[in-house]
């Protein structure tokens, strides 16, 4: 998949990309924990085993590139719920946002879920992450569940 400009592209990750994935995920976590609910979300999620995810039949790791430099990634997984897949993570480096890489990754995730025969694809947006919410809504996603939380501290 390549955009009309020819500079932005997506491709499947390989084992040679693990270092880039770890670097990007580190940036993703640093950004996420600053958002309301982000630290709790990160504490609940397992640290990705990129080698297993790349080789897995129930997961697909896409990379977003700008002039062939890796600047983004998306992890799409089959859900435990029959017929659903989920974009578990999607991140674009701040300097590479607004050029279309996120849209290409989102489209690759949709294609992957369709190829798996899924009837739906979920993604997550934290409260207050309006850009993330708008990004997914622009791709045809609609809220279907809100999780509310009360701290007992």
Foldseek 3Di string as FASTA:
>chain_A
DADPVRFKDKDFDDPVCVVVVVVQVVVVLVVQVVAVVSVVVVVPDDDDPVNCQSVDPFKTKMFMGGNNHTFWIWIKGADPDPQEIEGEDTDGHPVPPPPCRSVNRVVVNVVVSVVVVHPYYYYDDGPPNVVVVVVVVVVVDDDDDDDDDDDPD
